[in-house]
């Protein structure tokens, strides 16, 4: 059974900004990015405990094909996604959201 999913508005904004950046780079690339992020989020919801804890009680999953990480919390069969960050960004930036 999949966990309940909650996506913070800031995480949705991360995805939106990356989508437009990739779409401007090449038509259709933004859609490919969204597909990879969606696949990552579905995998998180199916097996949230599979991903290791990286900061306090927060976990990280990596997006395939794109240099992005999904930071989330899993508790009481609920997955809360707080940020979806490019992996080259300063770690303090995503840590400040958690």
PDB file of N, CA and C in Angstrom:
ATOM      1  N   UNK A   1       0.834  -1.171   0.000  1.00  0.00           N
ATOM      2  CA  UNK A   1       0.000   0.000   0.000  1.00  0.00           C
ATOM      3  C   UNK A   1       0.887   1.246   0.000  1.00  0.00           C
ATOM      4  N   UNK A   2       0.540   2.201  -0.832  1.00  0.00           N
ATOM      5  CA  UNK A   2       1.319   3.425  -0.928  1.00  0.00           C
ATOM      6  C   UNK A   2       1.017   4.370   0.224  1.00  0.00           C
ATOM      7  N   UNK A   3       2.017   5.141   0.569  1.00  0.00           N
ATOM      8  CA  UNK A   3       1.855   6.141   1.620  1.00  0.00           C
ATOM      9  C   UNK A   3       1.097   7.347   1.071  1.00  0.00           C
ATOM     10  N   UNK A   4       0.430   8.056   1.966  1.00  0.00           N
ATOM     11  CA  UNK A   4      -0.238   9.304   1.596  1.00  0.00           C
ATOM     12  C   UNK A   4       0.831  10.325   1.240  1.00  0.00           C
ATOM     13  N   UNK A   5       0.586  11.131   0.219  1.00  0.00           N
ATOM     14  CA  UNK A   5       1.576  12.089  -0.279  1.00  0.00           C
ATOM     15  C   UNK A   5       1.150  13.530  -0.021  1.00  0.00           C
ATOM     16  N   UNK A   6       2.088  14.303   0.529  1.00  0.00           N
ATOM     17  CA  UNK A   6       1.905  15.745   0.714  1.00  0.00           C
ATOM     18  C   UNK A   6       3.124  16.420   0.101  1.00  0.00           C
ATOM     19  N   UNK A   7       2.890  17.383  -0.776  1.00  0.00           N
ATOM     20  CA  UNK A   7       3.985  18.124  -1.407  1.00  0.00           C
ATOM     21  C   UNK A   7       3.897  19.572  -0.948  1.00  0.00           C
ATOM     22  N   UNK A   8       4.957  20.043  -0.300  1.00  0.00           N
ATOM     23  CA  UNK A   8       4.993  21.429   0.175  1.00  0.00           C
ATOM     24  C   UNK A   8       4.981  22.378  -1.028  1.00  0.00           C
ATOM     25  N   UNK A   9       4.354  23.544  -0.880  1.00  0.00           N
ATOM     26  CA  UNK A   9       4.311  24.509  -1.988  1.00  0.00           C
ATOM     27  C   UNK A   9       5.708  24.877  -2.506  1.00  0.00           C
ATOM     28  N   UNK A  10       6.689  24.945  -1.614  1.00  0.00           N
ATOM     29  CA  UNK A  10       8.054  25.276  -2.033  1.00  0.00           C
ATOM     30  C   UNK A  10       8.633  24.187  -2.931  1.00  0.00           C
ATOM     31  N   UNK A  11       8.314  22.937  -2.634  1.00  0.00           N
ATOM     32  CA  UNK A  11       8.788  21.829  -3.467  1.00  0.00           C
ATOM     33  C   UNK A  11       8.128  21.884  -4.842  1.00  0.00           C
ATOM     34  N   UNK A  12       6.857  22.227  -4.880  1.00  0.00           N
ATOM     35  CA  UNK A  12       6.171  22.367  -6.169  1.00  0.00           C
ATOM     36  C   UNK A  12       6.786  23.503  -6.973  1.00  0.00           C
ATOM     37  N   UNK A  13       7.163  24.570  -6.293  1.00  0.00           N
ATOM     38  CA  UNK A  13       7.807  25.696  -6.974  1.00  0.00           C
ATOM     39  C   UNK A  13       9.166  25.270  -7.533  1.00  0.00           C
ATOM     40  N   UNK A  14       9.914  24.448  -6.797  1.00  0.00           N
ATOM     41  CA  UNK A  14      11.186  23.918  -7.291  1.00  0.00           C
ATOM     42  C   UNK A  14      10.982  23.182  -8.612  1.00  0.00           C
ATOM     43  N   UNK A  15       9.969  22.330  -8.647  1.00  0.00           N
ATOM     44  CA  UNK A  15       9.685  21.538  -9.848  1.00  0.00           C
ATOM     45  C   UNK A  15       9.273  22.447 -10.999  1.00  0.00           C
ATOM     46  N   UNK A  16       8.408  23.409 -10.728  1.00  0.00           N
ATOM     47  CA  UNK A  16       7.944  24.319 -11.773  1.00  0.00           C
ATOM     48  C   UNK A  16       9.109  25.093 -12.395  1.00  0.00           C
ATOM     49  N   UNK A  17       9.995  25.623 -11.546  1.00  0.00           N
ATOM     50  CA  UNK A  17      11.136  26.384 -12.053  1.00  0.00           C
ATOM     51  C   UNK A  17      12.055  25.515 -12.902  1.00  0.00           C
ATOM     52  N   UNK A  18      12.328  24.299 -12.439  1.00  0.00           N
ATOM     53  CA  UNK A  18      13.193  23.386 -13.191  1.00  0.00           C
ATOM     54  C   UNK A  18      12.535  22.987 -14.508  1.00  0.00           C
ATOM     55  N   UNK A  19      11.228  22.750 -14.482  1.00  0.00           N
ATOM     56  CA  UNK A  19      10.501  22.397 -15.695  1.00  0.00           C
ATOM     57  C   UNK A  19      10.683  23.480 -16.762  1.00  0.00           C
ATOM     58  N   UNK A  20      10.444  24.723 -16.389  1.00  0.00           N
ATOM     59  CA  UNK A  20      10.560  25.811 -17.361  1.00  0.00           C
ATOM     60  C   UNK A  20      11.997  25.980 -17.853  1.00  0.00           C
ATOM     61  N   UNK A  21      12.957  25.779 -16.964  1.00  0.00           N
ATOM     62  CA  UNK A  21      14.359  25.887 -17.364  1.00  0.00           C
ATOM     63  C   UNK A  21      14.690  24.821 -18.402  1.00  0.00           C
ATOM     64  N   UNK A  22      14.300  23.571 -18.138  1.00  0.00           N
ATOM     65  CA  UNK A  22      14.570  22.479 -19.084  1.00  0.00           C
ATOM     66  C   UNK A  22      13.773  22.646 -20.374  1.00  0.00           C
ATOM     67  N   UNK A  23      12.564  23.117 -20.269  1.00  0.00           N
ATOM     68  CA  UNK A  23      11.731  23.309 -21.465  1.00  0.00           C
ATOM     69  C   UNK A  23      12.315  24.411 -22.353  1.00  0.00           C
ATOM     70  N   UNK A  24      12.877  25.470 -21.752  1.00  0.00           N
ATOM     71  CA  UNK A  24      13.534  26.525 -22.521  1.00  0.00           C
ATOM     72  C   UNK A  24      14.803  26.012 -23.189  1.00  0.00           C
ATOM     73  N   UNK A  25      15.462  25.077 -22.520  1.00  0.00           N
ATOM     74  CA  UNK A  25      16.688  24.495 -23.056  1.00  0.00           C
ATOM     75  C   UNK A  25      16.393  23.677 -24.306  1.00  0.00           C
ATOM     76  N   UNK A  26      15.359  22.841 -24.240  1.00  0.00           N
ATOM     77  CA  UNK A  26      14.944  22.031 -25.386  1.00  0.00           C
ATOM     78  C   UNK A  26      13.487  21.639 -25.222  1.00  0.00           C
ATOM     79  N   UNK A  27      12.715  21.877 -26.235  1.00  0.00           N
ATOM     80  CA  UNK A  27      11.296  21.541 -26.186  1.00  0.00           C
ATOM     81  C   UNK A  27      11.120  20.050 -25.891  1.00  0.00           C
ATOM     82  N   UNK A  28      10.306  19.754 -24.894  1.00  0.00           N
ATOM     83  CA  UNK A  28      10.047  18.379 -24.497  1.00  0.00           C
ATOM     84  C   UNK A  28      10.920  17.901 -23.344  1.00  0.00           C
ATOM     85  N   UNK A  29      12.043  18.575 -23.110  1.00  0.00           N
ATOM     86  CA  UNK A  29      12.940  18.155 -22.032  1.00  0.00           C
ATOM     87  C   UNK A  29      12.299  18.403 -20.662  1.00  0.00           C
ATOM     88  N   UNK A  30      11.524  19.460 -20.561  1.00  0.00           N
ATOM     89  CA  UNK A  30      10.805  19.730 -19.311  1.00  0.00           C
ATOM     90  C   UNK A  30       9.821  18.619 -18.992  1.00  0.00           C
ATOM     91  N   UNK A  31       9.148  18.106 -20.015  1.00  0.00           N
ATOM     92  CA  UNK A  31       8.211  16.998 -19.817  1.00  0.00           C
ATOM     93  C   UNK A  31       8.949  15.737 -19.378  1.00  0.00           C
ATOM     94  N   UNK A  32      10.129  15.501 -19.945  1.00  0.00           N
ATOM     95  CA  UNK A  32      10.932  14.351 -19.532  1.00  0.00           C
ATOM     96  C   UNK A  32      11.339  14.496 -18.060  1.00  0.00           C
ATOM     97  N   UNK A  33      11.707  15.707 -17.679  1.00  0.00           N
ATOM     98  CA  UNK A  33      12.057  15.982 -16.283  1.00  0.00           C
ATOM     99  C   UNK A  33      10.876  15.668 -15.364  1.00  0.00           C
ATOM    100  N   UNK A  34       9.688  16.157 -15.725  1.00  0.00           N
ATOM    101  CA  UNK A  34       8.503  15.896 -14.901  1.00  0.00           C
ATOM    102  C   UNK A  34       8.224  14.403 -14.774  1.00  0.00           C
ATOM    103  N   UNK A  35       8.401  13.679 -15.865  1.00  0.00           N
ATOM    104  CA  UNK A  35       8.190  12.235 -15.832  1.00  0.00           C
ATOM    105  C   UNK A  35       9.150  11.540 -14.878  1.00  0.00           C
ATOM    106  N   UNK A  36      10.405  11.976 -14.875  1.00  0.00           N
ATOM    107  CA  UNK A  36      11.405  11.380 -13.976  1.00  0.00           C
ATOM    108  C   UNK A  36      11.126  11.739 -12.522  1.00  0.00           C
ATOM    109  N   UNK A  37      10.721  12.974 -12.279  1.00  0.00           N
ATOM    110  CA  UNK A  37      10.377  13.386 -10.908  1.00  0.00           C
ATOM    111  C   UNK A  37       9.160  12.600 -10.430  1.00  0.00           C
ATOM    112  N   UNK A  38       8.165  12.458 -11.289  1.00  0.00           N
ATOM    113  CA  UNK A  38       6.963  11.710 -10.929  1.00  0.00           C
ATOM    114  C   UNK A  38       7.307  10.254 -10.609  1.00  0.00           C
ATOM    115  N   UNK A  39       8.160   9.638 -11.406  1.00  0.00           N
ATOM    116  CA  UNK A  39       8.569   8.252 -11.149  1.00  0.00           C
ATOM    117  C   UNK A  39       9.294   8.137  -9.811  1.00  0.00           C
ATOM    118  N   UNK A  40      10.123   9.117  -9.498  1.00  0.00           N
ATOM    119  CA  UNK A  40      10.845   9.127  -8.226  1.00  0.00           C
ATOM    120  C   UNK A  40       9.866   9.247  -7.053  1.00  0.00           C
ATOM    121  N   UNK A  41       8.910  10.133  -7.168  1.00  0.00           N
ATOM    122  CA  UNK A  41       7.928  10.337  -6.102  1.00  0.00           C
ATOM    123  C   UNK A  41       7.064   9.087  -5.916  1.00  0.00           C
ATOM    124  N   UNK A  42       6.679   8.441  -7.010  1.00  0.00           N
ATOM    125  CA  UNK A  42       5.901   7.202  -6.900  1.00  0.00           C
ATOM    126  C   UNK A  42       6.702   6.119  -6.185  1.00  0.00           C
ATOM    127  N   UNK A  43       7.996   6.026  -6.511  1.00  0.00           N
ATOM    128  CA  UNK A  43       8.855   5.041  -5.839  1.00  0.00           C
ATOM    129  C   UNK A  43       8.974   5.348  -4.350  1.00  0.00           C
ATOM    130  N   UNK A  44       9.082   6.623  -4.020  1.00  0.00           N
ATOM    131  CA  UNK A  44       9.139   7.029  -2.610  1.00  0.00           C
ATOM    132  C   UNK A  44       7.872   6.582  -1.889  1.00  0.00           C
ATOM    133  N   UNK A  45       6.716   6.818  -2.490  1.00  0.00           N
ATOM    134  CA  UNK A  45       5.445   6.468  -1.853  1.00  0.00           C
ATOM    135  C   UNK A  45       5.276   4.954  -1.697  1.00  0.00           C
ATOM    136  N   UNK A  46       5.809   4.189  -2.636  1.00  0.00           N
ATOM    137  CA  UNK A  46       5.711   2.724  -2.541  1.00  0.00           C
ATOM    138  C   UNK A  46       6.612   2.166  -1.444  1.00  0.00           C
ATOM    139  N   UNK A  47       7.854   2.697  -1.357  1.00  0.00           N
ATOM    140  CA  UNK A  47       8.835   2.164  -0.404  1.00  0.00           C
ATOM    141  C   UNK A  47       9.621   3.306   0.247  1.00  0.00           C
ATOM    142  N   UNK A  48       8.974   4.112   1.069  1.00  0.00           N
ATOM    143  CA  UNK A  48       9.648   5.275   1.648  1.00  0.00           C
ATOM    144  C   UNK A  48      10.811   4.924   2.563  1.00  0.00           C
ATOM    145  N   UNK A  49      10.721   3.811   3.251  1.00  0.00           N
ATOM    146  CA  UNK A  49      11.784   3.418   4.173  1.00  0.00           C
ATOM    147  C   UNK A  49      13.046   2.946   3.478  1.00  0.00           C
ATOM    148  N   UNK A  50      12.977   2.715   2.180  1.00  0.00           N
ATOM    149  CA  UNK A  50      14.130   2.263   1.409  1.00  0.00           C
ATOM    150  C   UNK A  50      15.210   3.344   1.317  1.00  0.00           C
ATOM    151  N   UNK A  51      14.805   4.587   1.374  1.00  0.00           N
ATOM    152  CA  UNK A  51      15.725   5.708   1.207  1.00  0.00           C
ATOM    153  C   UNK A  51      16.348   6.081   2.551  1.00  0.00           C
ATOM    154  N   UNK A  52      17.633   6.341   2.498  1.00  0.00           N
ATOM    155  CA  UNK A  52      18.348   6.578   3.760  1.00  0.00           C
ATOM    156  C   UNK A  52      18.094   7.971   4.323  1.00  0.00           C
ATOM    157  N   UNK A  53      18.228   8.058   5.630  1.00  0.00           N
ATOM    158  CA  UNK A  53      18.106   9.329   6.334  1.00  0.00           C
ATOM    159  C   UNK A  53      19.401  10.103   6.113  1.00  0.00           C
ATOM    160  N   UNK A  54      19.274  11.367   5.697  1.00  0.00           N
ATOM    161  CA  UNK A  54      20.459  12.176   5.401  1.00  0.00           C
ATOM    162  C   UNK A  54      20.623  13.378   6.325  1.00  0.00           C
ATOM    163  N   UNK A  55      19.554  13.755   6.999  1.00  0.00           N
ATOM    164  CA  UNK A  55      19.609  14.940   7.859  1.00  0.00           C
ATOM    165  C   UNK A  55      18.468  14.849   8.865  1.00  0.00           C
ATOM    166  N   UNK A  56      18.802  14.794  10.143  1.00  0.00           N
ATOM    167  CA  UNK A  56      17.803  14.581  11.196  1.00  0.00           C
ATOM    168  C   UNK A  56      16.928  13.380  10.817  1.00  0.00           C
ATOM    169  N   UNK A  57      15.618  13.567  10.664  1.00  0.00           N
ATOM    170  CA  UNK A  57      14.745  12.456  10.291  1.00  0.00           C
ATOM    171  C   UNK A  57      14.338  12.514   8.815  1.00  0.00           C
ATOM    172  N   UNK A  58      15.002  13.336   8.026  1.00  0.00           N
ATOM    173  CA  UNK A  58      14.653  13.547   6.627  1.00  0.00           C
ATOM    174  C   UNK A  58      15.442  12.607   5.712  1.00  0.00           C
ATOM    175  N   UNK A  59      14.772  12.165   4.679  1.00  0.00           N
ATOM    176  CA  UNK A  59      15.343  11.212   3.734  1.00  0.00           C
ATOM    177  C   UNK A  59      15.544  11.866   2.371  1.00  0.00           C
ATOM    178  N   UNK A  60      16.349  11.194   1.531  1.00  0.00           N
ATOM    179  CA  UNK A  60      16.630  11.728   0.201  1.00  0.00           C
ATOM    180  C   UNK A  60      16.508  10.622  -0.831  1.00  0.00           C
ATOM    181  N   UNK A  61      15.893  10.969  -1.965  1.00  0.00           N
ATOM    182  CA  UNK A  61      15.828  10.075  -3.121  1.00  0.00           C
ATOM    183  C   UNK A  61      16.371  10.850  -4.318  1.00  0.00           C
ATOM    184  N   UNK A  62      17.105  10.177  -5.167  1.00  0.00           N
ATOM    185  CA  UNK A  62      17.675  10.826  -6.339  1.00  0.00           C
ATOM    186  C   UNK A  62      16.796  10.590  -7.567  1.00  0.00           C
ATOM    187  N   UNK A  63      16.648  11.632  -8.374  1.00  0.00           N
ATOM    188  CA  UNK A  63      15.864  11.563  -9.597  1.00  0.00           C
ATOM    189  C   UNK A  63      16.758  10.991 -10.697  1.00  0.00           C
ATOM    190  N   UNK A  64      16.262  10.023 -11.441  1.00  0.00           N
ATOM    191  CA  UNK A  64      17.034   9.432 -12.544  1.00  0.00           C
ATOM    192  C   UNK A  64      17.167  10.436 -13.685  1.00  0.00           C
ATOM    193  N   UNK A  65      18.330  10.384 -14.347  1.00  0.00           N
ATOM    194  CA  UNK A  65      18.638  11.183 -15.541  1.00  0.00           C
ATOM    195  C   UNK A  65      18.868  12.665 -15.281  1.00  0.00           C
ATOM    196  N   UNK A  66      18.392  13.192 -14.190  1.00  0.00           N
ATOM    197  CA  UNK A  66      18.525  14.616 -13.905  1.00  0.00           C
ATOM    198  C   UNK A  66      19.200  14.774 -12.540  1.00  0.00           C
ATOM    199  N   UNK A  67      20.028  15.812 -12.402  1.00  0.00           N
ATOM    200  CA  UNK A  67      20.776  15.979 -11.142  1.00  0.00           C
ATOM    201  C   UNK A  67      19.952  16.636 -10.032  1.00  0.00           C
ATOM    202  N   UNK A  68      18.875  15.971  -9.657  1.00  0.00           N
ATOM    203  CA  UNK A  68      17.978  16.495  -8.625  1.00  0.00           C
ATOM    204  C   UNK A  68      17.782  15.460  -7.525  1.00  0.00           C
ATOM    205  N   UNK A  69      17.551  15.958  -6.324  1.00  0.00           N
ATOM    206  CA  UNK A  69      17.270  15.113  -5.174  1.00  0.00           C
ATOM    207  C   UNK A  69      15.944  15.559  -4.559  1.00  0.00           C
ATOM    208  N   UNK A  70      15.185  14.588  -4.099  1.00  0.00           N
ATOM    209  CA  UNK A  70      13.905  14.834  -3.433  1.00  0.00           C
ATOM    210  C   UNK A  70      14.118  14.596  -1.942  1.00  0.00           C
ATOM    211  N   UNK A  71      13.873  15.616  -1.144  1.00  0.00           N
ATOM    212  CA  UNK A  71      14.026  15.517   0.308  1.00  0.00           C
ATOM    213  C   UNK A  71      12.640  15.413   0.930  1.00  0.00           C
ATOM    214  N   UNK A  72      12.477  14.383   1.765  1.00  0.00           N
ATOM    215  CA  UNK A  72      11.150  14.115   2.312  1.00  0.00           C
ATOM    216  C   UNK A  72      11.241  13.531   3.715  1.00  0.00           C
ATOM    217  N   UNK A  73      10.093  13.525   4.355  1.00  0.00           N
ATOM    218  CA  UNK A  73       9.940  12.939   5.683  1.00  0.00           C
ATOM    219  C   UNK A  73       8.876  11.852   5.572  1.00  0.00           C
ATOM    220  N   UNK A  74       9.113  10.747   6.261  1.00  0.00           N
ATOM    221  CA  UNK A  74       8.143   9.648   6.276  1.00  0.00           C
ATOM    222  C   UNK A  74       7.752   9.351   7.717  1.00  0.00           C
ATOM    223  N   UNK A  75       6.462   9.478   7.991  1.00  0.00           N
ATOM    224  CA  UNK A  75       5.973   9.227   9.339  1.00  0.00           C
ATOM    225  C   UNK A  75       4.489   8.864   9.260  1.00  0.00           C
ATOM    226  N   UNK A  76       4.105   7.835  10.004  1.00  0.00           N
ATOM    227  CA  UNK A  76       2.696   7.427  10.112  1.00  0.00           C
ATOM    228  C   UNK A  76       2.053   7.225   8.740  1.00  0.00           C
ATOM    229  N   UNK A  77       2.748   6.495   7.866  1.00  0.00           N
ATOM    230  CA  UNK A  77       2.265   6.190   6.514  1.00  0.00           C
ATOM    231  C   UNK A  77       1.977   7.447   5.697  1.00  0.00           C
ATOM    232  N   UNK A  78       2.718   8.522   5.980  1.00  0.00           N
ATOM    233  CA  UNK A  78       2.562   9.793   5.256  1.00  0.00           C
ATOM    234  C   UNK A  78       3.941  10.253   4.789  1.00  0.00           C
ATOM    235  N   UNK A  79       4.040  10.581   3.497  1.00  0.00           N
ATOM    236  CA  UNK A  79       5.261  11.127   2.910  1.00  0.00           C
ATOM    237  C   UNK A  79       5.037  12.609   2.680  1.00  0.00           C
ATOM    238  N   UNK A  80       5.913  13.426   3.245  1.00  0.00           N
ATOM    239  CA  UNK A  80       5.853  14.872   3.034  1.00  0.00           C
ATOM    240  C   UNK A  80       7.123  15.290   2.315  1.00  0.00           C
ATOM    241  N   UNK A  81       6.964  15.830   1.112  1.00  0.00           N
ATOM    242  CA  UNK A  81       8.105  16.284   0.316  1.00  0.00           C
ATOM    243  C   UNK A  81       8.292  17.771   0.577  1.00  0.00           C
ATOM    244  N   UNK A  82       9.506  18.112   1.016  1.00  0.00           N
ATOM    245  CA  UNK A  82       9.800  19.496   1.379  1.00  0.00           C
ATOM    246  C   UNK A  82      10.578  20.241   0.312  1.00  0.00           C
ATOM    247  N   UNK A  83      11.428  19.538  -0.433  1.00  0.00           N
ATOM    248  CA  UNK A  83      12.212  20.221  -1.455  1.00  0.00           C
ATOM    249  C   UNK A  83      12.658  19.249  -2.534  1.00  0.00           C
ATOM    250  N   UNK A  84      12.818  19.803  -3.723  1.00  0.00           N
ATOM    251  CA  UNK A  84      13.344  19.067  -4.870  1.00  0.00           C
ATOM    252  C   UNK A  84      14.430  19.965  -5.434  1.00  0.00           C
ATOM    253  N   UNK A  85      15.674  19.648  -5.091  1.00  0.00           N
ATOM    254  CA  UNK A  85      16.796  20.544  -5.360  1.00  0.00           C
ATOM    255  C   UNK A  85      17.788  19.965  -6.346  1.00  0.00           C
ATOM    256  N   UNK A  86      18.380  20.858  -7.114  1.00  0.00           N
ATOM    257  CA  UNK A  86      19.510  20.498  -7.965  1.00  0.00           C
ATOM    258  C   UNK A  86      20.660  20.129  -7.037  1.00  0.00           C
ATOM    259  N   UNK A  87      21.334  19.039  -7.320  1.00  0.00           N
ATOM    260  CA  UNK A  87      22.340  18.522  -6.402  1.00  0.00           C
ATOM    261  C   UNK A  87      23.596  19.380  -6.305  1.00  0.00           C
ATOM    262  N   UNK A  88      23.770  20.336  -7.206  1.00  0.00           N
ATOM    263  CA  UNK A  88      24.955  21.197  -7.114  1.00  0.00           C
ATOM    264  C   UNK A  88      24.719  22.422  -6.228  1.00  0.00           C
ATOM    265  N   UNK A  89      23.505  22.598  -5.732  1.00  0.00           N
ATOM    266  CA  UNK A  89      23.216  23.744  -4.874  1.00  0.00           C
ATOM    267  C   UNK A  89      23.815  23.548  -3.487  1.00  0.00           C
ATOM    268  N   UNK A  90      24.019  24.626  -2.823  1.00  0.00           N
ATOM    269  CA  UNK A  90      24.563  24.630  -1.466  1.00  0.00           C
ATOM    270  C   UNK A  90      23.645  23.842  -0.534  1.00  0.00           C
ATOM    271  N   UNK A  91      24.162  22.828   0.167  1.00  0.00           N
ATOM    272  CA  UNK A  91      23.310  22.013   1.059  1.00  0.00           C
ATOM    273  C   UNK A  91      22.577  22.819   2.128  1.00  0.00           C
ATOM    274  N   UNK A  92      23.135  23.916   2.564  1.00  0.00           N
ATOM    275  CA  UNK A  92      22.447  24.720   3.575  1.00  0.00           C
ATOM    276  C   UNK A  92      21.124  25.260   3.072  1.00  0.00           C
ATOM    277  N   UNK A  93      21.013  25.417   1.747  1.00  0.00           N
ATOM    278  CA  UNK A  93      19.778  25.930   1.176  1.00  0.00           C
ATOM    279  C   UNK A  93      18.640  24.927   1.369  1.00  0.00           C
ATOM    280  N   UNK A  94      18.868  23.636   1.056  1.00  0.00           N
ATOM    281  CA  UNK A  94      17.795  22.675   1.261  1.00  0.00           C
ATOM    282  C   UNK A  94      17.616  22.341   2.735  1.00  0.00           C
ATOM    283  N   UNK A  95      18.693  22.382   3.511  1.00  0.00           N
ATOM    284  CA  UNK A  95      18.576  22.101   4.936  1.00  0.00           C
ATOM    285  C   UNK A  95      17.717  23.147   5.640  1.00  0.00           C
ATOM    286  N   UNK A  96      17.755  24.364   5.149  1.00  0.00           N
ATOM    287  CA  UNK A  96      16.966  25.421   5.780  1.00  0.00           C
ATOM    288  C   UNK A  96      15.454  25.193   5.599  1.00  0.00           C
ATOM    289  N   UNK A  97      15.078  24.403   4.613  1.00  0.00           N
ATOM    290  CA  UNK A  97      13.659  24.113   4.377  1.00  0.00           C
ATOM    291  C   UNK A  97      13.140  22.986   5.247  1.00  0.00           C
ATOM    292  N   UNK A  98      14.041  22.203   5.764  1.00  0.00           N
ATOM    293  CA  UNK A  98      13.594  21.021   6.524  1.00  0.00           C
ATOM    294  C   UNK A  98      13.353  21.350   7.978  1.00  0.00           C
TER     295      UNK A  98
END
